[in-house]
């Protein structure tokens, strides 16, 4: 019974993973190199480059509430249909010593889905 409780607790905690804003991620710097984390930001217009028949993507994100700081992201995989320039997204992966965030998952936010109809 305790084992089941432990597994449920771990599942809940992994589902409730905190994400960093861009500024917070940059402040953490080397203390989180190669740790799996999530970062939230807005895709910077003019920064998106797609290669290798659409499966390699590099772009920058900036803090959603401004601030001017940004982080470069590299992603290899199928790009979600809802990925859009100027929109918010959460990227999961790790920050490398080169300052590039190596994402293994992109989770674009779609504001229209979360706003009440009316």
C-alpha atoms as a PDB file:
ATOM      1  CA  UNK A   1       0.000   0.000   0.000  1.00  0.00           C
ATOM      2  CA  UNK A   2       2.847   2.403   0.820  1.00  0.00           C
ATOM      3  CA  UNK A   3       4.473   1.618  -2.521  1.00  0.00           C
ATOM      4  CA  UNK A   4       1.264   2.574  -4.344  1.00  0.00           C
ATOM      5  CA  UNK A   5       1.063   5.822  -2.370  1.00  0.00           C
ATOM      6  CA  UNK A   6       4.673   6.618  -3.198  1.00  0.00           C
ATOM      7  CA  UNK A   7       4.110   5.984  -6.917  1.00  0.00           C
ATOM      8  CA  UNK A   8       1.011   8.190  -6.937  1.00  0.00           C
ATOM      9  CA  UNK A   9       2.897  10.967  -5.144  1.00  0.00           C
ATOM     10  CA  UNK A  10       5.819  10.787  -7.617  1.00  0.00           C
ATOM     11  CA  UNK A  11       3.413  10.829 -10.548  1.00  0.00           C
ATOM     12  CA  UNK A  12       1.667  13.890  -9.176  1.00  0.00           C
ATOM     13  CA  UNK A  13       4.939  15.706  -8.528  1.00  0.00           C
ATOM     14  CA  UNK A  14       6.283  15.007 -12.028  1.00  0.00           C
ATOM     15  CA  UNK A  15       3.014  16.266 -13.517  1.00  0.00           C
ATOM     16  CA  UNK A  16       3.276  19.468 -11.506  1.00  0.00           C
ATOM     17  CA  UNK A  17       6.724  20.379 -12.828  1.00  0.00           C
ATOM     18  CA  UNK A  18       7.553  24.023 -12.380  1.00  0.00           C
ATOM     19  CA  UNK A  19       8.827  26.008 -15.318  1.00  0.00           C
ATOM     20  CA  UNK A  20      11.255  28.905 -15.323  1.00  0.00           C
ATOM     21  CA  UNK A  21      10.709  32.226 -17.036  1.00  0.00           C
ATOM     22  CA  UNK A  22      13.612  33.146 -19.366  1.00  0.00           C
ATOM     23  CA  UNK A  23      15.159  35.553 -16.853  1.00  0.00           C
ATOM     24  CA  UNK A  24      14.967  32.935 -14.079  1.00  0.00           C
ATOM     25  CA  UNK A  25      16.631  30.333 -16.305  1.00  0.00           C
ATOM     26  CA  UNK A  26      19.479  32.684 -17.166  1.00  0.00           C
ATOM     27  CA  UNK A  27      20.015  33.592 -13.503  1.00  0.00           C
ATOM     28  CA  UNK A  28      20.319  29.885 -12.625  1.00  0.00           C
ATOM     29  CA  UNK A  29      23.043  29.524 -15.278  1.00  0.00           C
ATOM     30  CA  UNK A  30      25.593  26.799 -14.620  1.00  0.00           C
ATOM     31  CA  UNK A  31      23.766  25.513 -11.532  1.00  0.00           C
ATOM     32  CA  UNK A  32      21.230  23.789 -13.806  1.00  0.00           C
ATOM     33  CA  UNK A  33      23.407  22.782 -16.776  1.00  0.00           C
ATOM     34  CA  UNK A  34      22.272  19.413 -18.103  1.00  0.00           C
ATOM     35  CA  UNK A  35      19.298  19.174 -15.701  1.00  0.00           C
ATOM     36  CA  UNK A  36      15.914  18.607 -17.325  1.00  0.00           C
ATOM     37  CA  UNK A  37      13.842  21.759 -16.815  1.00  0.00           C
ATOM     38  CA  UNK A  38      11.049  23.675 -18.502  1.00  0.00           C
ATOM     39  CA  UNK A  39      11.264  27.273 -19.677  1.00  0.00           C
ATOM     40  CA  UNK A  40       8.347  29.516 -20.601  1.00  0.00           C
ATOM     41  CA  UNK A  41       8.642  32.343 -23.096  1.00  0.00           C
ATOM     42  CA  UNK A  42       7.431  34.000 -26.253  1.00  0.00           C
ATOM     43  CA  UNK A  43       8.895  33.086 -29.655  1.00  0.00           C
ATOM     44  CA  UNK A  44      10.915  36.078 -30.903  1.00  0.00           C
ATOM     45  CA  UNK A  45       9.869  37.258 -34.392  1.00  0.00           C
ATOM     46  CA  UNK A  46      12.635  36.859 -36.981  1.00  0.00           C
ATOM     47  CA  UNK A  47      14.531  34.271 -34.933  1.00  0.00           C
ATOM     48  CA  UNK A  48      13.054  31.042 -36.317  1.00  0.00           C
ATOM     49  CA  UNK A  49      15.206  28.892 -38.615  1.00  0.00           C
ATOM     50  CA  UNK A  50      14.054  25.474 -39.769  1.00  0.00           C
ATOM     51  CA  UNK A  51      16.401  22.900 -41.355  1.00  0.00           C
ATOM     52  CA  UNK A  52      16.658  19.227 -42.253  1.00  0.00           C
ATOM     53  CA  UNK A  53      13.277  19.036 -43.986  1.00  0.00           C
ATOM     54  CA  UNK A  54      11.537  20.715 -41.070  1.00  0.00           C
ATOM     55  CA  UNK A  55      12.808  18.469 -38.280  1.00  0.00           C
ATOM     56  CA  UNK A  56      15.474  20.814 -36.846  1.00  0.00           C
ATOM     57  CA  UNK A  57      14.341  24.113 -35.437  1.00  0.00           C
ATOM     58  CA  UNK A  58      16.312  26.935 -33.841  1.00  0.00           C
ATOM     59  CA  UNK A  59      14.696  30.033 -32.396  1.00  0.00           C
ATOM     60  CA  UNK A  60      14.812  32.406 -29.447  1.00  0.00           C
ATOM     61  CA  UNK A  61      12.284  33.034 -26.733  1.00  0.00           C
ATOM     62  CA  UNK A  62      11.961  36.046 -24.476  1.00  0.00           C
ATOM     63  CA  UNK A  63      10.126  36.664 -21.211  1.00  0.00           C
ATOM     64  CA  UNK A  64       6.382  36.848 -21.795  1.00  0.00           C
ATOM     65  CA  UNK A  65       6.166  40.083 -19.762  1.00  0.00           C
ATOM     66  CA  UNK A  66       9.113  41.757 -21.496  1.00  0.00           C
ATOM     67  CA  UNK A  67      12.540  42.367 -20.068  1.00  0.00           C
ATOM     68  CA  UNK A  68      14.582  42.030 -23.235  1.00  0.00           C
ATOM     69  CA  UNK A  69      16.522  38.896 -22.241  1.00  0.00           C
ATOM     70  CA  UNK A  70      16.219  35.853 -24.452  1.00  0.00           C
ATOM     71  CA  UNK A  71      17.527  32.340 -24.782  1.00  0.00           C
ATOM     72  CA  UNK A  72      18.301  30.361 -27.934  1.00  0.00           C
ATOM     73  CA  UNK A  73      16.543  27.034 -28.310  1.00  0.00           C
ATOM     74  CA  UNK A  74      17.452  24.053 -30.490  1.00  0.00           C
ATOM     75  CA  UNK A  75      14.781  21.418 -31.111  1.00  0.00           C
ATOM     76  CA  UNK A  76      14.953  18.280 -33.230  1.00  0.00           C
ATOM     77  CA  UNK A  77      11.696  16.487 -33.942  1.00  0.00           C
ATOM     78  CA  UNK A  78       8.211  17.037 -35.281  1.00  0.00           C
ATOM     79  CA  UNK A  79       7.262  20.685 -34.819  1.00  0.00           C
ATOM     80  CA  UNK A  80       3.782  21.051 -33.284  1.00  0.00           C
ATOM     81  CA  UNK A  81       1.179  22.549 -35.634  1.00  0.00           C
ATOM     82  CA  UNK A  82       0.354  25.195 -33.033  1.00  0.00           C
ATOM     83  CA  UNK A  83       3.955  26.521 -32.926  1.00  0.00           C
ATOM     84  CA  UNK A  84       3.753  30.188 -33.963  1.00  0.00           C
ATOM     85  CA  UNK A  85       6.084  33.185 -33.980  1.00  0.00           C
ATOM     86  CA  UNK A  86       5.118  35.696 -31.302  1.00  0.00           C
ATOM     87  CA  UNK A  87       3.176  33.109 -29.291  1.00  0.00           C
ATOM     88  CA  UNK A  88       3.926  31.691 -25.853  1.00  0.00           C
ATOM     89  CA  UNK A  89       5.349  28.215 -25.386  1.00  0.00           C
ATOM     90  CA  UNK A  90       6.962  25.983 -22.807  1.00  0.00           C
ATOM     91  CA  UNK A  91      10.073  24.073 -23.882  1.00  0.00           C
ATOM     92  CA  UNK A  92      11.351  21.083 -21.917  1.00  0.00           C
ATOM     93  CA  UNK A  93      14.989  20.080 -22.089  1.00  0.00           C
ATOM     94  CA  UNK A  94      18.304  21.276 -20.677  1.00  0.00           C
ATOM     95  CA  UNK A  95      20.510  24.336 -20.808  1.00  0.00           C
ATOM     96  CA  UNK A  96      23.976  23.563 -22.122  1.00  0.00           C
ATOM     97  CA  UNK A  97      27.251  25.223 -21.147  1.00  0.00           C
ATOM     98  CA  UNK A  98      27.122  26.970 -24.558  1.00  0.00           C
ATOM     99  CA  UNK A  99      23.977  28.827 -23.415  1.00  0.00           C
ATOM    100  CA  UNK A 100      21.721  27.018 -25.893  1.00  0.00           C
ATOM    101  CA  UNK A 101      18.637  25.295 -24.524  1.00  0.00           C
ATOM    102  CA  UNK A 102      18.406  21.804 -26.036  1.00  0.00           C
ATOM    103  CA  UNK A 103      14.662  21.110 -26.121  1.00  0.00           C
ATOM    104  CA  UNK A 104      13.224  17.616 -26.458  1.00  0.00           C
ATOM    105  CA  UNK A 105       9.633  18.795 -26.139  1.00  0.00           C
ATOM    106  CA  UNK A 106       7.748  21.930 -27.251  1.00  0.00           C
ATOM    107  CA  UNK A 107       4.386  22.777 -25.736  1.00  0.00           C
ATOM    108  CA  UNK A 108       2.882  25.805 -27.487  1.00  0.00           C
ATOM    109  CA  UNK A 109       0.178  27.625 -25.589  1.00  0.00           C
ATOM    110  CA  UNK A 110      -2.964  28.417 -27.514  1.00  0.00           C
ATOM    111  CA  UNK A 111      -4.649  31.371 -25.759  1.00  0.00           C
ATOM    112  CA  UNK A 112      -7.875  31.032 -27.748  1.00  0.00           C
ATOM    113  CA  UNK A 113      -8.437  27.565 -26.265  1.00  0.00           C
ATOM    114  CA  UNK A 114      -8.328  28.881 -22.715  1.00  0.00           C
ATOM    115  CA  UNK A 115     -10.460  31.986 -23.071  1.00  0.00           C
ATOM    116  CA  UNK A 116     -14.186  31.831 -22.370  1.00  0.00           C
ATOM    117  CA  UNK A 117     -16.484  32.059 -25.391  1.00  0.00           C
ATOM    118  CA  UNK A 118     -18.441  35.217 -25.729  1.00  0.00           C
END
